[in-house]
Amino acid sequence: MTFLLFHSMNAGFFGTLFFLFGFIYFCLWVYCLVDIIRSEFKDPNMKLIWILIILFAQVIGPIAYLIMRKGTKST
C-alpha cells in the first residue's frame, strides 16, 4: 500500500531539487566530520565538542564549523 502511494506521486522538479539539496548537505556534513577528525586543535577537547555540535545541531553545525574553524585549529 505504501509503495503504491509513493509510486503514484510525481516528484518532478521539486523532488529533484530536494534530493539535490539533501545530497549537497550530506557531502558538507561528511566533509566537516572528516576535517574535524584529521585536524589538530588548540584545545584537545575541541575535537569532541565540534563532533557533538556537528551531530546534534544538524542544520547550523556544519555551517558554524566552516565559519569558526580557523580560530580553533592549531597552526
PDB file of N, CA and C in Angstrom:
ATOM      1  N   MET A   1       0.820  -1.196   0.000  1.00  0.00           N
ATOM      2  CA  MET A   1       0.000   0.000   0.000  1.00  0.00           C
ATOM      3  C   MET A   1       0.863   1.259   0.000  1.00  0.00           C
ATOM      4  N   THR A   2       1.867   1.289   0.868  1.00  0.00           N
ATOM      5  CA  THR A   2       2.724   2.459   0.940  1.00  0.00           C
ATOM      6  C   THR A   2       3.502   2.633  -0.357  1.00  0.00           C
ATOM      7  N   PHE A   3       3.962   1.527  -0.918  1.00  0.00           N
ATOM      8  CA  PHE A   3       4.706   1.607  -2.171  1.00  0.00           C
ATOM      9  C   PHE A   3       3.845   2.201  -3.281  1.00  0.00           C
ATOM     10  N   LEU A   4       2.593   1.828  -3.317  1.00  0.00           N
ATOM     11  CA  LEU A   4       1.705   2.368  -4.342  1.00  0.00           C
ATOM     12  C   LEU A   4       1.484   3.863  -4.160  1.00  0.00           C
ATOM     13  N   LEU A   5       1.456   4.312  -2.903  1.00  0.00           N
ATOM     14  CA  LEU A   5       1.283   5.736  -2.633  1.00  0.00           C
ATOM     15  C   LEU A   5       2.471   6.522  -3.172  1.00  0.00           C
ATOM     16  N   PHE A   6       3.694   6.055  -2.874  1.00  0.00           N
ATOM     17  CA  PHE A   6       4.878   6.758  -3.336  1.00  0.00           C
ATOM     18  C   PHE A   6       5.086   6.591  -4.836  1.00  0.00           C
ATOM     19  N   HIS A   7       4.661   5.485  -5.374  1.00  0.00           N
ATOM     20  CA  HIS A   7       4.818   5.252  -6.803  1.00  0.00           C
ATOM     21  C   HIS A   7       3.914   6.189  -7.612  1.00  0.00           C
ATOM     22  N   SER A   8       2.759   6.494  -7.066  1.00  0.00           N
ATOM     23  CA  SER A   8       1.837   7.353  -7.806  1.00  0.00           C
ATOM     24  C   SER A   8       2.197   8.830  -7.705  1.00  0.00           C
ATOM     25  N   MET A   9       3.056   9.197  -6.750  1.00  0.00           N
ATOM     26  CA  MET A   9       3.459  10.593  -6.615  1.00  0.00           C
ATOM     27  C   MET A   9       4.507  10.930  -7.668  1.00  0.00           C
ATOM     28  N   ASN A  10       4.361  12.065  -8.293  1.00  0.00           N
ATOM     29  CA  ASN A  10       5.310  12.510  -9.296  1.00  0.00           C
ATOM     30  C   ASN A  10       6.248  13.508  -8.646  1.00  0.00           C
ATOM     31  N   ALA A  11       7.520  13.147  -8.504  1.00  0.00           N
ATOM     32  CA  ALA A  11       8.477  14.003  -7.813  1.00  0.00           C
ATOM     33  C   ALA A  11       8.746  15.269  -8.607  1.00  0.00           C
ATOM     34  N   GLY A  12       9.024  15.131  -9.862  1.00  0.00           N
ATOM     35  CA  GLY A  12       9.231  16.286 -10.725  1.00  0.00           C
ATOM     36  C   GLY A  12      10.366  17.181 -10.284  1.00  0.00           C
ATOM     37  N   PHE A  13      10.192  18.458 -10.527  1.00  0.00           N
ATOM     38  CA  PHE A  13      11.228  19.448 -10.262  1.00  0.00           C
ATOM     39  C   PHE A  13      11.544  19.569  -8.773  1.00  0.00           C
ATOM     40  N   PHE A  14      10.512  19.646  -7.929  1.00  0.00           N
ATOM     41  CA  PHE A  14      10.747  19.859  -6.503  1.00  0.00           C
ATOM     42  C   PHE A  14      11.370  18.637  -5.844  1.00  0.00           C
ATOM     43  N   GLY A  15      11.023  17.465  -6.292  1.00  0.00           N
ATOM     44  CA  GLY A  15      11.660  16.255  -5.769  1.00  0.00           C
ATOM     45  C   GLY A  15      13.129  16.201  -6.121  1.00  0.00           C
ATOM     46  N   THR A  16      13.446  16.583  -7.342  1.00  0.00           N
ATOM     47  CA  THR A  16      14.837  16.618  -7.770  1.00  0.00           C
ATOM     48  C   THR A  16      15.605  17.686  -7.009  1.00  0.00           C
ATOM     49  N   LEU A  17      15.004  18.838  -6.821  1.00  0.00           N
ATOM     50  CA  LEU A  17      15.636  19.916  -6.075  1.00  0.00           C
ATOM     51  C   LEU A  17      15.867  19.518  -4.617  1.00  0.00           C
ATOM     52  N   PHE A  18      14.881  18.880  -4.013  1.00  0.00           N
ATOM     53  CA  PHE A  18      15.012  18.415  -2.630  1.00  0.00           C
ATOM     54  C   PHE A  18      16.134  17.389  -2.523  1.00  0.00           C
ATOM     55  N   PHE A  19      16.204  16.458  -3.460  1.00  0.00           N
ATOM     56  CA  PHE A  19      17.261  15.452  -3.455  1.00  0.00           C
ATOM     57  C   PHE A  19      18.627  16.100  -3.623  1.00  0.00           C
ATOM     58  N   LEU A  20      18.731  17.085  -4.517  1.00  0.00           N
ATOM     59  CA  LEU A  20      19.999  17.759  -4.763  1.00  0.00           C
ATOM     60  C   LEU A  20      20.488  18.499  -3.523  1.00  0.00           C
ATOM     61  N   PHE A  21      19.609  19.257  -2.869  1.00  0.00           N
ATOM     62  CA  PHE A  21      19.998  19.960  -1.640  1.00  0.00           C
ATOM     63  C   PHE A  21      20.357  18.974  -0.527  1.00  0.00           C
ATOM     64  N   GLY A  22      19.630  17.887  -0.424  1.00  0.00           N
ATOM     65  CA  GLY A  22      19.945  16.867   0.571  1.00  0.00           C
ATOM     66  C   GLY A  22      21.300  16.241   0.328  1.00  0.00           C
ATOM     67  N   PHE A  23      21.609  15.955  -0.919  1.00  0.00           N
ATOM     68  CA  PHE A  23      22.906  15.363  -1.252  1.00  0.00           C
ATOM     69  C   PHE A  23      24.044  16.337  -0.976  1.00  0.00           C
ATOM     70  N   ILE A  24      23.856  17.612  -1.333  1.00  0.00           N
ATOM     71  CA  ILE A  24      24.885  18.623  -1.062  1.00  0.00           C
ATOM     72  C   ILE A  24      25.095  18.785   0.439  1.00  0.00           C
ATOM     73  N   TYR A  25      24.017  18.799   1.210  1.00  0.00           N
ATOM     74  CA  TYR A  25      24.147  18.918   2.663  1.00  0.00           C
ATOM     75  C   TYR A  25      24.860  17.704   3.236  1.00  0.00           C
ATOM     76  N   PHE A  26      24.548  16.501   2.754  1.00  0.00           N
ATOM     77  CA  PHE A  26      25.206  15.290   3.242  1.00  0.00           C
ATOM     78  C   PHE A  26      26.704  15.347   2.947  1.00  0.00           C
ATOM     79  N   CYS A  27      27.089  15.799   1.764  1.00  0.00           N
ATOM     80  CA  CYS A  27      28.508  15.925   1.426  1.00  0.00           C
ATOM     81  C   CYS A  27      29.191  16.948   2.329  1.00  0.00           C
ATOM     82  N   LEU A  28      28.526  18.063   2.616  1.00  0.00           N
ATOM     83  CA  LEU A  28      29.075  19.069   3.532  1.00  0.00           C
ATOM     84  C   LEU A  28      29.253  18.493   4.923  1.00  0.00           C
ATOM     85  N   TRP A  29      28.285  17.731   5.391  1.00  0.00           N
ATOM     86  CA  TRP A  29      28.326  17.118   6.715  1.00  0.00           C
ATOM     87  C   TRP A  29      29.494  16.143   6.817  1.00  0.00           C
ATOM     88  N   VAL A  30      29.661  15.299   5.807  1.00  0.00           N
ATOM     89  CA  VAL A  30      30.767  14.334   5.798  1.00  0.00           C
ATOM     90  C   VAL A  30      32.109  15.055   5.713  1.00  0.00           C
ATOM     91  N   TYR A  31      32.195  16.092   4.882  1.00  0.00           N
ATOM     92  CA  TYR A  31      33.430  16.865   4.776  1.00  0.00           C
ATOM     93  C   TYR A  31      33.828  17.460   6.131  1.00  0.00           C
ATOM     94  N   CYS A  32      32.862  18.028   6.838  1.00  0.00           N
ATOM     95  CA  CYS A  32      33.153  18.629   8.142  1.00  0.00           C
ATOM     96  C   CYS A  32      33.611  17.582   9.147  1.00  0.00           C
ATOM     97  N   LEU A  33      32.961  16.424   9.175  1.00  0.00           N
ATOM     98  CA  LEU A  33      33.370  15.368  10.103  1.00  0.00           C
ATOM     99  C   LEU A  33      34.779  14.864   9.793  1.00  0.00           C
ATOM    100  N   VAL A  34      35.091  14.656   8.532  1.00  0.00           N
ATOM    101  CA  VAL A  34      36.433  14.194   8.157  1.00  0.00           C
ATOM    102  C   VAL A  34      37.471  15.258   8.489  1.00  0.00           C
ATOM    103  N   ASP A  35      37.161  16.524   8.241  1.00  0.00           N
ATOM    104  CA  ASP A  35      38.087  17.601   8.554  1.00  0.00           C
ATOM    105  C   ASP A  35      38.333  17.701  10.062  1.00  0.00           C
ATOM    106  N   ILE A  36      37.310  17.518  10.855  1.00  0.00           N
ATOM    107  CA  ILE A  36      37.472  17.554  12.313  1.00  0.00           C
ATOM    108  C   ILE A  36      38.352  16.408  12.783  1.00  0.00           C
ATOM    109  N   ILE A  37      38.118  15.223  12.259  1.00  0.00           N
ATOM    110  CA  ILE A  37      38.884  14.056  12.688  1.00  0.00           C
ATOM    111  C   ILE A  37      40.350  14.186  12.301  1.00  0.00           C
ATOM    112  N   ARG A  38      40.651  14.749  11.159  1.00  0.00           N
ATOM    113  CA  ARG A  38      42.033  14.877  10.685  1.00  0.00           C
ATOM    114  C   ARG A  38      42.778  16.059  11.295  1.00  0.00           C
ATOM    115  N   SER A  39      42.090  17.030  11.862  1.00  0.00           N
ATOM    116  CA  SER A  39      42.722  18.271  12.310  1.00  0.00           C
ATOM    117  C   SER A  39      43.215  18.179  13.740  1.00  0.00           C
ATOM    118  N   GLU A  40      44.190  19.026  14.022  1.00  0.00           N
ATOM    119  CA  GLU A  40      44.678  19.224  15.384  1.00  0.00           C
ATOM    120  C   GLU A  40      44.134  20.560  15.878  1.00  0.00           C
ATOM    121  N   PHE A  41      43.647  20.577  17.111  1.00  0.00           N
ATOM    122  CA  PHE A  41      43.050  21.772  17.679  1.00  0.00           C
ATOM    123  C   PHE A  41      43.906  22.299  18.823  1.00  0.00           C
ATOM    124  N   LYS A  42      43.742  23.584  19.142  1.00  0.00           N
ATOM    125  CA  LYS A  42      44.476  24.192  20.246  1.00  0.00           C
ATOM    126  C   LYS A  42      44.141  23.501  21.560  1.00  0.00           C
ATOM    127  N   ASP A  43      42.877  23.241  21.778  1.00  0.00           N
ATOM    128  CA  ASP A  43      42.411  22.536  22.970  1.00  0.00           C
ATOM    129  C   ASP A  43      42.018  21.116  22.566  1.00  0.00           C
ATOM    130  N   PRO A  44      42.542  20.096  23.236  1.00  0.00           N
ATOM    131  CA  PRO A  44      42.216  18.717  22.842  1.00  0.00           C
ATOM    132  C   PRO A  44      40.725  18.389  22.927  1.00  0.00           C
ATOM    133  N   ASN A  45      39.986  19.074  23.759  1.00  0.00           N
ATOM    134  CA  ASN A  45      38.556  18.809  23.888  1.00  0.00           C
ATOM    135  C   ASN A  45      37.732  19.408  22.758  1.00  0.00           C
ATOM    136  N   MET A  46      38.308  20.309  21.987  1.00  0.00           N
ATOM    137  CA  MET A  46      37.563  20.957  20.906  1.00  0.00           C
ATOM    138  C   MET A  46      37.156  19.972  19.816  1.00  0.00           C
ATOM    139  N   LYS A  47      37.953  18.933  19.605  1.00  0.00           N
ATOM    140  CA  LYS A  47      37.605  17.938  18.592  1.00  0.00           C
ATOM    141  C   LYS A  47      36.296  17.255  18.978  1.00  0.00           C
ATOM    142  N   LEU A  48      36.180  16.845  20.223  1.00  0.00           N
ATOM    143  CA  LEU A  48      34.957  16.204  20.699  1.00  0.00           C
ATOM    144  C   LEU A  48      33.779  17.182  20.681  1.00  0.00           C
ATOM    145  N   ILE A  49      34.022  18.410  21.083  1.00  0.00           N
ATOM    146  CA  ILE A  49      32.956  19.407  21.094  1.00  0.00           C
ATOM    147  C   ILE A  49      32.436  19.657  19.680  1.00  0.00           C
ATOM    148  N   TRP A  50      33.333  19.796  18.696  1.00  0.00           N
ATOM    149  CA  TRP A  50      32.896  20.036  17.326  1.00  0.00           C
ATOM    150  C   TRP A  50      32.155  18.839  16.754  1.00  0.00           C
ATOM    151  N   ILE A  51      32.605  17.633  17.070  1.00  0.00           N
ATOM    152  CA  ILE A  51      31.885  16.444  16.597  1.00  0.00           C
ATOM    153  C   ILE A  51      30.474  16.412  17.165  1.00  0.00           C
ATOM    154  N   LEU A  52      30.322  16.731  18.443  1.00  0.00           N
ATOM    155  CA  LEU A  52      28.989  16.757  19.049  1.00  0.00           C
ATOM    156  C   LEU A  52      28.118  17.851  18.436  1.00  0.00           C
ATOM    157  N   ILE A  53      28.713  19.005  18.154  1.00  0.00           N
ATOM    158  CA  ILE A  53      27.944  20.088  17.521  1.00  0.00           C
ATOM    159  C   ILE A  53      27.476  19.668  16.132  1.00  0.00           C
ATOM    160  N   ILE A  54      28.366  19.042  15.362  1.00  0.00           N
ATOM    161  CA  ILE A  54      28.004  18.593  14.014  1.00  0.00           C
ATOM    162  C   ILE A  54      26.895  17.548  14.077  1.00  0.00           C
ATOM    163  N   LEU A  55      26.966  16.634  15.040  1.00  0.00           N
ATOM    164  CA  LEU A  55      25.980  15.559  15.124  1.00  0.00           C
ATOM    165  C   LEU A  55      24.622  16.026  15.624  1.00  0.00           C
ATOM    166  N   PHE A  56      24.599  16.928  16.613  1.00  0.00           N
ATOM    167  CA  PHE A  56      23.334  17.283  17.245  1.00  0.00           C
ATOM    168  C   PHE A  56      22.723  18.596  16.744  1.00  0.00           C
ATOM    169  N   ALA A  57      23.515  19.487  16.188  1.00  0.00           N
ATOM    170  CA  ALA A  57      22.982  20.718  15.603  1.00  0.00           C
ATOM    171  C   ALA A  57      23.040  20.542  14.093  1.00  0.00           C
ATOM    172  N   GLN A  58      22.140  19.750  13.568  1.00  0.00           N
ATOM    173  CA  GLN A  58      22.212  19.274  12.198  1.00  0.00           C
ATOM    174  C   GLN A  58      22.310  20.383  11.156  1.00  0.00           C
ATOM    175  N   VAL A  59      21.500  21.378  11.237  1.00  0.00           N
ATOM    176  CA  VAL A  59      21.471  22.382  10.181  1.00  0.00           C
ATOM    177  C   VAL A  59      22.572  23.421  10.377  1.00  0.00           C
ATOM    178  N   ILE A  60      22.742  23.906  11.577  1.00  0.00           N
ATOM    179  CA  ILE A  60      23.664  25.005  11.818  1.00  0.00           C
ATOM    180  C   ILE A  60      25.079  24.524  12.147  1.00  0.00           C
ATOM    181  N   GLY A  61      25.239  23.273  12.561  1.00  0.00           N
ATOM    182  CA  GLY A  61      26.536  22.749  12.981  1.00  0.00           C
ATOM    183  C   GLY A  61      27.624  22.823  11.925  1.00  0.00           C
ATOM    184  N   PRO A  62      27.413  22.234  10.747  1.00  0.00           N
ATOM    185  CA  PRO A  62      28.469  22.308   9.721  1.00  0.00           C
ATOM    186  C   PRO A  62      28.766  23.733   9.262  1.00  0.00           C
ATOM    187  N   ILE A  63      27.751  24.556   9.191  1.00  0.00           N
ATOM    188  CA  ILE A  63      27.952  25.944   8.772  1.00  0.00           C
ATOM    189  C   ILE A  63      28.761  26.697   9.824  1.00  0.00           C
ATOM    190  N   ALA A  64      28.446  26.489  11.107  1.00  0.00           N
ATOM    191  CA  ALA A  64      29.198  27.134  12.188  1.00  0.00           C
ATOM    192  C   ALA A  64      30.645  26.664  12.192  1.00  0.00           C
ATOM    193  N   TYR A  65      30.854  25.376  11.943  1.00  0.00           N
ATOM    194  CA  TYR A  65      32.227  24.861  11.907  1.00  0.00           C
ATOM    195  C   TYR A  65      33.023  25.501  10.771  1.00  0.00           C
ATOM    196  N   LEU A  66      32.428  25.602   9.596  1.00  0.00           N
ATOM    197  CA  LEU A  66      33.143  26.183   8.470  1.00  0.00           C
ATOM    198  C   LEU A  66      33.479  27.640   8.717  1.00  0.00           C
ATOM    199  N   ILE A  67      32.645  28.352   9.431  1.00  0.00           N
ATOM    200  CA  ILE A  67      32.901  29.759   9.720  1.00  0.00           C
ATOM    201  C   ILE A  67      33.971  29.923  10.802  1.00  0.00           C
ATOM    202  N   MET A  68      33.934  29.085  11.842  1.00  0.00           N
ATOM    203  CA  MET A  68      34.796  29.287  13.008  1.00  0.00           C
ATOM    204  C   MET A  68      35.992  28.346  13.102  1.00  0.00           C
ATOM    205  N   ARG A  69      36.247  27.539  12.110  1.00  0.00           N
ATOM    206  CA  ARG A  69      37.296  26.529  12.233  1.00  0.00           C
ATOM    207  C   ARG A  69      38.703  27.112  12.282  1.00  0.00           C
ATOM    208  N   LYS A  70      38.955  28.217  11.639  1.00  0.00           N
ATOM    209  CA  LYS A  70      40.297  28.787  11.617  1.00  0.00           C
ATOM    210  C   LYS A  70      40.771  29.199  13.003  1.00  0.00           C
ATOM    211  N   GLY A  71      39.858  29.717  13.832  1.00  0.00           N
ATOM    212  CA  GLY A  71      40.242  30.189  15.151  1.00  0.00           C
ATOM    213  C   GLY A  71      40.453  29.093  16.168  1.00  0.00           C
ATOM    214  N   THR A  72      39.904  27.905  15.930  1.00  0.00           N
ATOM    215  CA  THR A  72      40.026  26.835  16.920  1.00  0.00           C
ATOM    216  C   THR A  72      41.123  25.828  16.596  1.00  0.00           C
ATOM    217  N   LYS A  73      41.602  25.826  15.352  1.00  0.00           N
ATOM    218  CA  LYS A  73      42.647  24.886  14.961  1.00  0.00           C
ATOM    219  C   LYS A  73      44.023  25.431  15.345  1.00  0.00           C
ATOM    220  N   SER A  74      44.936  24.492  15.633  1.00  0.00           N
ATOM    221  CA  SER A  74      46.317  24.903  15.882  1.00  0.00           C
ATOM    222  C   SER A  74      47.019  25.067  14.547  1.00  0.00           C
ATOM    223  N   THR A  75      48.001  25.917  14.499  1.00  0.00           N
ATOM    224  CA  THR A  75      48.673  26.192  13.225  1.00  0.00           C
ATOM    225  C   THR A  75      49.797  25.265  12.927  1.00  0.00           C
TER     226      THR A  75
END
